C-alpha atoms as a PDB file:
ATOM      1  CA  MET A   1     -22.235 -99.633 -53.197  1.00  0.00           C
ATOM      2  CA  THR A   2     -23.146-100.435 -49.784  1.00  0.00           C
ATOM      3  CA  ALA A   3     -19.781 -99.315 -48.164  1.00  0.00           C
ATOM      4  CA  PRO A   4     -20.368 -95.769 -49.454  1.00  0.00           C
ATOM      5  CA  ILE A   5     -23.908 -95.661 -48.212  1.00  0.00           C
ATOM      6  CA  SER A   6     -23.021 -97.221 -44.984  1.00  0.00           C
ATOM      7  CA  LEU A   7     -20.120 -94.487 -44.556  1.00  0.00           C
ATOM      8  CA  GLY A   8     -22.751 -91.688 -45.486  1.00  0.00           C
ATOM      9  CA  LEU A   9     -25.186 -92.950 -42.968  1.00  0.00           C
ATOM     10  CA  ASN A  10     -22.635 -93.043 -40.367  1.00  0.00           C
ATOM     11  CA  LEU A  11     -21.361 -89.593 -41.052  1.00  0.00           C
ATOM     12  CA  LEU A  12     -25.018 -88.227 -41.098  1.00  0.00           C
ATOM     13  CA  LEU A  13     -25.906 -89.902 -37.818  1.00  0.00           C
ATOM     14  CA  GLY A  14     -22.613 -88.818 -36.057  1.00  0.00           C
ATOM     15  CA  ILE A  15     -23.048 -85.117 -37.335  1.00  0.00           C
ATOM     16  CA  ALA A  16     -26.895 -85.272 -36.377  1.00  0.00           C
ATOM     17  CA  GLY A  17     -25.989 -86.604 -32.879  1.00  0.00           C
ATOM     18  CA  GLY A  18     -23.290 -84.252 -32.359  1.00  0.00           C
ATOM     19  CA  ILE A  19     -25.617 -81.287 -33.130  1.00  0.00           C
ATOM     20  CA  ALA A  20     -28.474 -82.722 -30.820  1.00  0.00           C
ATOM     21  CA  VAL A  21     -25.961 -83.182 -27.899  1.00  0.00           C
ATOM     22  CA  GLY A  22     -24.300 -79.892 -28.359  1.00  0.00           C
ATOM     23  CA  GLY A  23     -27.466 -78.098 -28.595  1.00  0.00           C
ATOM     24  CA  GLY A  24     -28.547 -79.908 -25.431  1.00  0.00           C
ATOM     25  CA  VAL A  25     -25.755 -78.923 -23.507  1.00  0.00           C
ATOM     26  CA  ILE A  26     -25.923 -75.255 -24.708  1.00  0.00           C
ATOM     27  CA  ALA A  27     -29.695 -75.220 -24.081  1.00  0.00           C
ATOM     28  CA  LEU A  28     -29.093 -76.568 -20.442  1.00  0.00           C
ATOM     29  CA  ILE A  29     -26.172 -73.894 -19.697  1.00  0.00           C
ATOM     30  CA  ILE A  30     -28.525 -71.181 -21.112  1.00  0.00           C
ATOM     31  CA  VAL A  31     -31.535 -72.583 -19.037  1.00  0.00           C
ATOM     32  CA  LEU A  32     -29.521 -72.624 -15.881  1.00  0.00           C
ATOM     33  CA  ASP A  33     -28.226 -69.086 -16.738  1.00  0.00           C
ATOM     34  CA  MET A  34     -24.796 -70.299 -15.780  1.00  0.00           C
ATOM     35  CA  VAL A  35     -22.785 -67.490 -17.332  1.00  0.00           C
ATOM     36  CA  PRO A  36     -24.911 -64.501 -16.065  1.00  0.00           C
ATOM     37  CA  ARG A  37     -25.074 -65.976 -12.492  1.00  0.00           C
ATOM     38  CA  LEU A  38     -21.396 -66.665 -12.478  1.00  0.00           C
ATOM     39  CA  ALA A  39     -20.774 -63.062 -13.433  1.00  0.00           C
ATOM     40  CA  GLN A  40     -23.303 -61.932 -10.779  1.00  0.00           C
ATOM     41  CA  LEU A  41     -21.623 -63.967  -7.983  1.00  0.00           C
ATOM     42  CA  THR A  42     -18.036 -62.687  -9.018  1.00  0.00           C
ATOM     43  CA  SER A  43     -19.171 -59.233  -9.861  1.00  0.00           C
ATOM     44  CA  SER A  44     -17.375 -59.298 -13.069  1.00  0.00           C
ATOM     45  CA  TYR A  45     -20.045 -58.373 -15.720  1.00  0.00           C
ATOM     46  CA  ASP A  46     -17.373 -57.196 -18.052  1.00  0.00           C
ATOM     47  CA  LYS A  47     -15.667 -60.640 -18.356  1.00  0.00           C
ATOM     48  CA  VAL A  48     -18.937 -62.490 -19.581  1.00  0.00           C
ATOM     49  CA  HIS A  49     -17.377 -62.822 -23.068  1.00  0.00           C
ATOM     50  CA  TRP A  50     -14.502 -64.569 -21.437  1.00  0.00           C
ATOM     51  CA  TYR A  51     -16.550 -66.993 -19.607  1.00  0.00           C
ATOM     52  CA  GLU A  52     -18.705 -67.746 -22.776  1.00  0.00           C
ATOM     53  CA  GLY A  53     -15.341 -68.248 -24.571  1.00  0.00           C
ATOM     54  CA  ALA A  54     -14.130 -70.499 -21.958  1.00  0.00           C
ATOM     55  CA  LEU A  55     -17.209 -72.735 -22.125  1.00  0.00           C
ATOM     56  CA  VAL A  56     -17.158 -72.901 -25.843  1.00  0.00           C
ATOM     57  CA  GLY A  57     -13.272 -73.616 -25.853  1.00  0.00           C
ATOM     58  CA  GLY A  58     -13.492 -76.206 -23.344  1.00  0.00           C
ATOM     59  CA  SER A  59     -16.246 -77.985 -25.095  1.00  0.00           C
ATOM     60  CA  LEU A  60     -14.201 -77.955 -28.260  1.00  0.00           C
ATOM     61  CA  LEU A  61     -11.135 -78.960 -26.553  1.00  0.00           C
ATOM     62  CA  GLY A  62     -12.654 -81.917 -24.752  1.00  0.00           C
ATOM     63  CA  THR A  63     -14.535 -82.988 -27.933  1.00  0.00           C
ATOM     64  CA  VAL A  64     -11.139 -83.036 -29.900  1.00  0.00           C
ATOM     65  CA  SER A  65      -9.419 -84.600 -27.193  1.00  0.00           C
ATOM     66  CA  ASP A  66     -11.910 -87.507 -26.939  1.00  0.00           C
ATOM     67  CA  PHE A  67     -11.881 -87.882 -30.917  1.00  0.00           C
ATOM     68  CA  TRP A  68      -7.961 -88.074 -31.061  1.00  0.00           C
ATOM     69  CA  ASN A  69      -7.551 -90.131 -27.929  1.00  0.00           C
ATOM     70  CA  TRP A  70      -5.391 -87.602 -26.464  1.00  0.00           C
ATOM     71  CA  ARG A  71      -3.484 -88.942 -23.152  1.00  0.00           C
ATOM     72  CA  LEU A  72      -2.347 -86.277 -20.380  1.00  0.00           C
ATOM     73  CA  SER A  73       0.810 -87.711 -18.670  1.00  0.00           C
ATOM     74  CA  ALA A  74       2.156 -84.622 -17.176  1.00  0.00           C
ATOM     75  CA  GLY A  75       2.468 -85.723 -13.521  1.00  0.00           C
ATOM     76  CA  PRO A  76      -0.013 -85.748 -10.652  1.00  0.00           C
ATOM     77  CA  ILE A  77       0.243 -82.040  -9.963  1.00  0.00           C
ATOM     78  CA  VAL A  78      -1.251 -81.273 -13.653  1.00  0.00           C
ATOM     79  CA  GLU A  79      -3.809 -84.014 -12.966  1.00  0.00           C
ATOM     80  CA  LEU A  80      -4.659 -82.682  -9.864  1.00  0.00           C
ATOM     81  CA  GLY A  81      -5.410 -79.199 -11.433  1.00  0.00           C
ATOM     82  CA  VAL A  82      -7.565 -80.711 -14.170  1.00  0.00           C
ATOM     83  CA  GLY A  83      -9.436 -82.650 -11.680  1.00  0.00           C
ATOM     84  CA  LEU A  84     -10.069 -79.503  -9.541  1.00  0.00           C
ATOM     85  CA  PHE A  85     -11.458 -77.574 -12.376  1.00  0.00           C
ATOM     86  CA  ASP A  86     -13.532 -80.663 -13.573  1.00  0.00           C
ATOM     87  CA  GLY A  87     -14.765 -80.559  -9.876  1.00  0.00           C
ATOM     88  CA  ILE A  88     -15.556 -76.814  -9.849  1.00  0.00           C
ATOM     89  CA  PHE A  89     -17.761 -77.257 -13.192  1.00  0.00           C
ATOM     90  CA  VAL A  90     -19.509 -80.117 -11.747  1.00  0.00           C
ATOM     91  CA  GLY A  91     -20.149 -78.002  -8.498  1.00  0.00           C
ATOM     92  CA  MET A  92     -21.278 -75.177 -10.528  1.00  0.00           C
ATOM     93  CA  LEU A  93     -23.659 -77.207 -12.612  1.00  0.00           C
ATOM     94  CA  ALA A  94     -25.211 -78.892  -9.735  1.00  0.00           C
ATOM     95  CA  ALA A  95     -25.577 -75.665  -7.958  1.00  0.00           C
ATOM     96  CA  ALA A  96     -27.385 -74.301 -11.033  1.00  0.00           C
ATOM     97  CA  LEU A  97     -29.453 -77.380 -11.160  1.00  0.00           C
ATOM     98  CA  THR A  98     -30.719 -77.035  -7.629  1.00  0.00           C
ATOM     99  CA  GLU A  99     -31.633 -73.407  -8.344  1.00  0.00           C
ATOM    100  CA  VAL A 100     -33.843 -74.157 -11.334  1.00  0.00           C
ATOM    101  CA  LEU A 101     -35.351 -77.569 -10.149  1.00  0.00           C
ATOM    102  CA  ASN A 102     -38.870 -76.604 -11.311  1.00  0.00           C
ATOM    103  CA  VAL A 103     -37.843 -75.909 -14.993  1.00  0.00           C
ATOM    104  CA  LEU A 104     -39.928 -78.983 -16.290  1.00  0.00           C
ATOM    105  CA  PRO A 105     -43.273 -77.992 -14.726  1.00  0.00           C
ATOM    106  CA  ILE A 106     -42.782 -74.332 -15.676  1.00  0.00           C
ATOM    107  CA  LEU A 107     -42.016 -75.344 -19.219  1.00  0.00           C
ATOM    108  CA  ALA A 108     -45.051 -77.768 -19.266  1.00  0.00           C
ATOM    109  CA  LYS A 109     -47.463 -74.744 -18.159  1.00  0.00           C
ATOM    110  CA  ARG A 110     -46.197 -72.580 -20.692  1.00  0.00           C
ATOM    111  CA  LEU A 111     -46.566 -75.375 -23.428  1.00  0.00           C
ATOM    112  CA  ASN A 112     -50.082 -76.051 -22.166  1.00  0.00           C
ATOM    113  CA  MET A 113     -48.822 -79.629 -21.674  1.00  0.00           C
ATOM    114  CA  THR A 114     -49.390 -79.965 -17.720  1.00  0.00           C
ATOM    115  CA  HIS A 115     -51.777 -82.993 -18.267  1.00  0.00           C
ATOM    116  CA  HIS A 116     -48.986 -84.714 -20.497  1.00  0.00           C
ATOM    117  CA  LEU A 117     -46.108 -83.978 -17.733  1.00  0.00           C
ATOM    118  CA  PHE A 118     -45.951 -87.602 -16.569  1.00  0.00           C
ATOM    119  CA  GLY A 119     -45.646 -89.017 -20.150  1.00  0.00           C
ATOM    120  CA  LEU A 120     -42.961 -86.326 -20.937  1.00  0.00           C
ATOM    121  CA  LEU A 121     -40.787 -87.462 -17.865  1.00  0.00           C
ATOM    122  CA  MET A 122     -41.496 -91.107 -18.795  1.00  0.00           C
ATOM    123  CA  ALA A 123     -40.333 -90.407 -22.496  1.00  0.00           C
ATOM    124  CA  MET A 124     -37.008 -88.848 -20.970  1.00  0.00           C
ATOM    125  CA  VAL A 125     -36.578 -91.829 -18.774  1.00  0.00           C
ATOM    126  CA  ALA A 126     -37.192 -94.291 -21.551  1.00  0.00           C
ATOM    127  CA  GLY A 127     -34.748 -92.527 -23.835  1.00  0.00           C
ATOM    128  CA  LYS A 128     -32.305 -92.505 -21.196  1.00  0.00           C
ATOM    129  CA  VAL A 129     -32.762 -96.217 -20.674  1.00  0.00           C
ATOM    130  CA  ALA A 130     -32.704 -96.856 -24.304  1.00  0.00           C
ATOM    131  CA  GLY A 131     -29.663 -95.025 -24.996  1.00  0.00           C
ATOM    132  CA  SER A 132     -27.711 -96.640 -22.109  1.00  0.00           C
ATOM    133  CA  LEU A 133     -28.690-100.132 -23.289  1.00  0.00           C
ATOM    134  CA  PHE A 134     -27.693 -99.372 -26.833  1.00  0.00           C
ATOM    135  CA  ASP A 135     -24.399 -98.056 -25.553  1.00  0.00           C
ATOM    136  CA  TRP A 136     -23.867-101.158 -23.235  1.00  0.00           C
ATOM    137  CA  PHE A 137     -24.986-103.965 -25.571  1.00  0.00           C
ATOM    138  CA  VAL A 138     -24.516-102.773 -29.410  1.00  0.00           C
ATOM    139  CA  TYR A 139     -22.026 -99.817 -29.363  1.00  0.00           C
ATOM    140  CA  ARG A 140     -19.521-101.446 -26.948  1.00  0.00           C
ATOM    141  CA  GLN A 141     -19.237-105.031 -28.491  1.00  0.00           C
END
């Protein structure tokens, strides 16, 4: 009886974690205005749906390849291309983050939480540390 309960709990936690992480990534992309900014910089407003589809498709492909442990052994040229696209994405994300670095203070003002801003930041740090410690000591045994 405990095996089905354990399986059900693992499924529930896995789905809940996936929804939380996916929602966080999409919220980050929306808050950073990556797609509209990319369309503005490239003067390609008519291609916004292609950018959105590429983000969703890349996320889906990355998730499936991670779950099924896909390996890419197509040679150094293909790996160079994949690395180039990864670098472009990370660079765009870093540039978008620098443009909206003041998101937390603005959010705190709008939610009338300016006097709790330090606590909010400490909660985020504590969550990151707790998640890392869990990953290092419990999950990777």
